[in-house]
Amino acid sequence: MTAMRATDDDDFSDMRRADEPLEEERRALQIICGAVGLLVGSRFLGSALLGLTFGIASAGALLSAGGTTGLWAREIGWQASQFAESRSLPQFTESAVRMAKTVGDATLAELKVLSDLEPVKRSRVQISAAAQTLWSRLRAWADSSGVTERLRAAWRASHMEDWYERAKQNIEQRRRAQGLA
């Protein structure tokens, strides 16, 4: 009987752990977060490219987050992937996925190094406080202008409640499978 060495090709090299996100989940969430970053970045950061980069990098952070956050990120990625496949979008998204993966991986590596710097840590706290203030102002404006009620009506009409219930059930199944429930 011979021992397997790390240099040997083995049949287990493509196996993934059950708690790691699937490639489909990762790609779909990178596309979603990248699109959101693209839209938000041009408005709030003054750069669509910077927003895209942060969006793609945030997908990796969300997927690797523990607990419920990571489970929700994986579920959203999976649902988006299934939606894309059912709409024959794989050919269209193939180049976007490659770009998202390349940019996301590089950006995530750089952000990990930057996040350990003390000035970045202080800035992160300041940005978090500013974001909370901005969110409070946005909520107050939405409530006073009637946007909130229109969004609630659109939510009810979209039947997203059904999707939300299915997603919650899937997350509970994942939690039980990972021993988190």
Protein backbone atom coordinates (compact mmCIF):
# COMPACT_ATOMS: atom_id res chain seq x y z
CA MET A 1 0.00 0.00 0.00
CA THR A 2 1.47 3.33 -1.01
CA ALA A 3 0.83 6.63 0.67
CA MET A 4 -0.62 9.48 -1.39
CA ARG A 5 1.66 12.42 -1.83
CA ALA A 6 0.58 16.03 -2.35
CA THR A 7 2.12 15.99 -5.81
CA ASP A 8 0.09 12.98 -6.96
CA ASP A 9 -2.99 13.60 -9.03
CA ASP A 10 -5.87 12.29 -7.04
CA ASP A 11 -9.57 11.90 -7.63
CA PHE A 12 -10.40 14.14 -4.70
CA SER A 13 -8.81 17.35 -5.98
CA ASP A 14 -12.12 18.76 -7.26
CA MET A 15 -14.12 17.94 -4.14
CA ARG A 16 -15.45 20.80 -2.08
CA ARG A 17 -16.44 20.98 1.54
CA ALA A 18 -20.16 21.26 2.19
CA ASP A 19 -19.73 24.58 4.00
CA GLU A 20 -17.87 26.24 1.11
CA PRO A 21 -19.87 28.20 -1.46
CA LEU A 22 -20.35 26.68 -4.88
CA GLU A 23 -18.72 28.40 -7.85
CA GLU A 24 -22.19 29.20 -9.23
CA GLU A 25 -23.12 30.93 -5.97
CA ARG A 26 -19.86 32.88 -5.95
CA ARG A 27 -20.19 34.04 -9.56
CA ALA A 28 -23.81 35.09 -9.27
CA LEU A 29 -23.23 37.03 -6.05
CA GLN A 30 -20.16 38.74 -7.53
CA ILE A 31 -22.27 39.86 -10.49
CA ILE A 32 -25.06 41.12 -8.24
CA CYS A 33 -22.74 42.93 -5.83
CA GLY A 34 -20.68 44.28 -8.71
CA ALA A 35 -23.79 45.70 -10.36
CA VAL A 36 -24.93 47.30 -7.12
CA GLY A 37 -21.43 48.67 -6.56
CA LEU A 38 -21.39 50.05 -10.09
CA LEU A 39 -24.63 51.92 -9.50
CA VAL A 40 -23.87 53.07 -5.97
CA GLY A 41 -20.21 53.83 -6.61
CA SER A 42 -20.87 56.44 -9.26
CA ARG A 43 -23.28 58.25 -6.97
CA PHE A 44 -21.62 58.02 -3.55
CA LEU A 45 -17.96 57.30 -4.25
CA GLY A 46 -17.62 59.41 -7.39
CA SER A 47 -16.32 56.43 -9.33
CA ALA A 48 -18.31 53.64 -10.94
CA LEU A 49 -15.13 51.55 -11.26
CA LEU A 50 -14.37 51.92 -7.57
CA GLY A 51 -17.95 50.95 -6.74
CA LEU A 52 -17.72 47.92 -9.04
CA THR A 53 -14.48 46.85 -7.38
CA PHE A 54 -15.90 47.21 -3.86
CA GLY A 55 -19.06 45.42 -4.93
CA ILE A 56 -17.22 42.42 -6.33
CA ALA A 57 -14.92 42.27 -3.32
CA SER A 58 -17.86 42.48 -0.93
CA ALA A 59 -19.37 39.35 -2.53
CA GLY A 60 -16.35 37.34 -1.41
CA ALA A 61 -16.61 38.77 2.09
CA LEU A 62 -20.32 37.99 2.27
CA LEU A 63 -19.82 34.43 1.06
CA SER A 64 -17.08 33.77 3.58
CA ALA A 65 -19.02 35.33 6.45
CA GLY A 66 -20.07 32.89 9.07
CA GLY A 67 -23.52 32.15 10.35
CA THR A 68 -26.72 33.46 8.85
CA THR A 69 -25.05 36.18 6.76
CA GLY A 70 -23.00 33.65 4.84
CA LEU A 71 -25.98 31.36 4.44
CA TRP A 72 -28.13 34.17 3.04
CA ALA A 73 -25.35 35.24 0.67
CA ARG A 74 -25.01 31.68 -0.61
CA GLU A 75 -28.76 31.31 -1.01
CA ILE A 76 -29.07 34.58 -2.95
CA GLY A 77 -26.16 33.52 -5.14
CA TRP A 78 -27.74 30.12 -5.75
CA GLN A 79 -31.16 31.60 -6.56
CA ALA A 80 -29.60 34.13 -8.96
CA SER A 81 -27.59 31.36 -10.61
CA GLN A 82 -30.70 29.24 -11.08
CA PHE A 83 -32.59 32.23 -12.46
CA ALA A 84 -29.82 32.92 -14.97
CA GLU A 85 -29.70 29.30 -16.09
CA SER A 86 -33.46 29.15 -16.54
CA ARG A 87 -33.31 32.25 -18.75
CA SER A 88 -30.49 30.95 -20.98
CA LEU A 89 -28.18 33.67 -19.73
CA PRO A 90 -24.99 31.63 -19.21
CA GLN A 91 -23.49 32.66 -22.56
CA PHE A 92 -24.22 36.31 -21.87
CA THR A 93 -22.77 36.26 -18.39
CA GLU A 94 -19.69 34.17 -19.15
CA SER A 95 -17.40 37.13 -19.87
CA ALA A 96 -18.86 39.12 -16.97
CA VAL A 97 -18.15 36.19 -14.66
CA ARG A 98 -14.54 35.92 -15.80
CA MET A 99 -14.02 39.63 -15.25
CA ALA A 100 -15.78 39.56 -11.88
CA LYS A 101 -13.64 36.66 -10.74
CA THR A 102 -10.38 38.27 -11.84
CA VAL A 103 -11.15 41.69 -10.43
CA GLY A 104 -12.77 40.29 -7.29
CA ASP A 105 -9.89 37.99 -6.40
CA ALA A 106 -7.27 40.68 -6.92
CA THR A 107 -9.27 43.31 -5.07
CA LEU A 108 -10.05 41.04 -2.14
CA ALA A 109 -6.37 40.25 -1.68
CA GLU A 110 -5.51 43.95 -1.70
CA LEU A 111 -8.36 44.85 0.63
CA LYS A 112 -7.24 42.25 3.16
CA VAL A 113 -3.81 43.89 3.32
CA LEU A 114 -5.29 47.39 3.50
CA SER A 115 -7.85 46.53 6.16
CA ASP A 116 -5.09 45.74 8.65
CA LEU A 117 -3.63 49.26 8.45
CA GLU A 118 -4.53 51.50 11.41
CA PRO A 119 -5.66 54.53 9.33
CA VAL A 120 -7.97 52.25 7.38
CA LYS A 121 -9.46 50.87 10.59
CA ARG A 122 -10.19 54.41 11.83
CA SER A 123 -11.67 55.37 8.47
CA ARG A 124 -13.86 52.29 8.52
CA VAL A 125 -15.38 53.39 11.84
CA GLN A 126 -15.98 56.91 10.47
CA ILE A 127 -17.53 55.57 7.26
CA SER A 128 -19.76 53.27 9.25
CA ALA A 129 -21.04 56.20 11.33
CA ALA A 130 -21.60 58.27 8.18
CA ALA A 131 -23.45 55.38 6.53
CA GLN A 132 -25.74 55.06 9.56
CA THR A 133 -26.52 58.77 9.41
CA LEU A 134 -27.14 58.60 5.67
CA TRP A 135 -29.42 55.57 6.13
CA SER A 136 -31.43 57.42 8.79
CA ARG A 137 -31.85 60.43 6.52
CA LEU A 138 -32.79 58.24 3.56
CA ARG A 139 -35.43 56.41 5.64
CA ALA A 140 -36.88 59.70 6.90
CA TRP A 141 -37.07 61.07 3.34
CA ALA A 142 -38.63 57.86 2.01
CA ASP A 143 -41.25 57.86 4.76
CA SER A 144 -42.12 61.53 4.31
CA SER A 145 -42.30 61.43 0.49
CA GLY A 146 -44.44 58.29 0.23
CA VAL A 147 -41.71 56.21 -1.41
CA THR A 148 -41.85 53.67 1.41
CA GLU A 149 -45.51 52.90 0.82
CA ARG A 150 -45.02 52.62 -2.96
CA LEU A 151 -42.10 50.24 -2.42
CA ARG A 152 -44.21 48.12 -0.08
CA ALA A 153 -46.95 47.92 -2.71
CA ALA A 154 -44.41 46.95 -5.37
CA TRP A 155 -42.99 44.31 -3.01
CA ARG A 156 -46.43 42.77 -2.49
CA ALA A 157 -47.13 42.79 -6.24
CA SER A 158 -43.79 41.14 -7.07
CA HIS A 159 -44.57 37.92 -5.16
CA MET A 160 -41.16 38.10 -3.56
CA GLU A 161 -42.76 36.85 -0.35
CA ASP A 162 -42.96 33.38 -1.94
CA TRP A 163 -39.29 33.50 -2.90
CA TYR A 164 -38.41 34.75 0.56
CA GLU A 165 -40.21 31.84 2.22
CA ARG A 166 -38.47 29.32 -0.07
CA ALA A 167 -35.13 30.96 0.67
CA LYS A 168 -35.76 30.76 4.43
CA GLN A 169 -36.59 27.06 4.11
CA ASN A 170 -33.43 26.44 2.08
CA ILE A 171 -31.34 28.32 4.63
CA GLU A 172 -32.81 26.26 7.45
CA GLN A 173 -31.91 23.10 5.54
CA ARG A 174 -28.36 24.38 5.09
CA ARG A 175 -28.13 25.29 8.78
CA ARG A 176 -29.25 21.80 9.79
CA ALA A 177 -26.82 20.21 7.32
CA GLN A 178 -23.96 22.28 8.79
CA GLY A 179 -25.04 21.60 12.35
CA LEU A 180 -25.87 25.25 13.05
CA ALA A 181 -29.55 24.72 13.91
